[in-house]
Structures are given as structure tokens and as C-alpha cells.
Amino acid sequence: MITRIEVSDADLEAMECESLEEFEEQIRNQLDSGVVTSDGGAGADWMAEYDLEIIKVD
């Protein structure tokens, strides 16, 4: 699965990120461990393998 995220400077600022790499790291962390199922499973436990495509927009 490919997840494509378009990010503006305002988005980076709102997420308190100084770079796309830092933003990607935060998103990966949220997807892998921040998404929790009702029985306590983490996202990394049940999500299909994914690739992130982070694109800077104006």
C-alpha cells in the first residue's frame, strides 16, 4: 500500500517539523504505534505493509 501525503509549509509548522524527513518520521511513528485497536493492538501489528510518499506543495 502506498500512502501519499501532500504537505505545505503551514502543515510542517503545525506539526512542529523543520523538514519533510522529520514530518515523515512523526507520521510513521503515529501509524506504527499511535493507531490502537479496541483490543490494544498497535498499527504495526495489523496494518498492511506500506510506503509513504511525502510531497511538498505550495
Protein backbone atom coordinates (compact mmCIF):
# COMPACT_ATOMS: atom_id res chain seq x y z
CA MET A 1 0.00 0.00 0.00
CA ILE A 2 1.28 3.47 -0.84
CA THR A 3 0.11 6.36 1.28
CA ARG A 4 0.61 9.74 -0.36
CA ILE A 5 0.64 12.86 1.81
CA GLU A 6 0.85 16.39 0.45
CA VAL A 7 2.48 18.77 2.93
CA SER A 8 2.71 22.55 2.89
CA ASP A 9 4.97 24.81 4.93
CA ALA A 10 1.97 25.54 7.16
CA ASP A 11 1.49 21.81 7.76
CA LEU A 12 5.15 21.40 8.70
CA GLU A 13 4.87 24.35 11.08
CA ALA A 14 1.69 22.97 12.65
CA MET A 15 3.43 19.62 13.23
CA GLU A 16 6.50 21.48 14.56
CA CYS A 17 8.72 19.88 11.90
CA GLU A 18 11.67 21.57 10.23
CA SER A 19 11.95 19.12 7.33
CA LEU A 20 10.00 16.57 5.30
CA GLU A 21 12.16 13.84 6.84
CA GLU A 22 11.16 14.89 10.35
CA PHE A 23 7.50 15.01 9.28
CA GLU A 24 7.75 11.51 7.75
CA GLU A 25 9.32 10.18 10.96
CA GLN A 26 6.44 11.56 13.05
CA ILE A 27 3.80 10.16 10.67
CA ARG A 28 5.47 6.72 10.61
CA ASN A 29 5.58 6.71 14.41
CA GLN A 30 1.88 7.61 14.59
CA LEU A 31 0.90 4.93 12.07
CA ASP A 32 3.10 2.22 13.58
CA SER A 33 2.39 2.78 17.25
CA GLY A 34 -0.17 5.55 17.67
CA VAL A 35 -3.07 3.76 15.95
CA VAL A 36 -4.51 1.36 18.53
CA THR A 37 -7.30 -1.17 18.07
CA SER A 38 -10.02 -1.74 20.64
CA ASP A 39 -8.15 -4.79 21.94
CA GLY A 40 -4.87 -2.86 22.35
CA GLY A 41 -3.07 -3.87 19.13
CA ALA A 42 -0.73 -1.28 17.61
CA GLY A 43 -0.95 -0.22 13.96
CA ALA A 44 2.23 -2.11 13.13
CA ASP A 45 0.52 -5.31 14.33
CA TRP A 46 -2.45 -5.22 11.94
CA MET A 47 -1.73 -2.76 9.10
CA ALA A 48 -0.62 -3.98 5.69
CA GLU A 49 2.94 -3.11 4.74
CA TYR A 50 3.03 0.46 3.48
CA ASP A 51 5.28 3.04 1.85
CA LEU A 52 4.90 6.74 2.48
CA GLU A 53 5.16 9.25 -0.33
CA ILE A 54 5.56 12.73 1.18
CA ILE A 55 5.18 15.55 -1.35
CA LYS A 56 5.86 19.22 -0.67
CA VAL A 57 3.16 21.54 -2.04
CA ASP A 58 2.88 25.33 -2.06
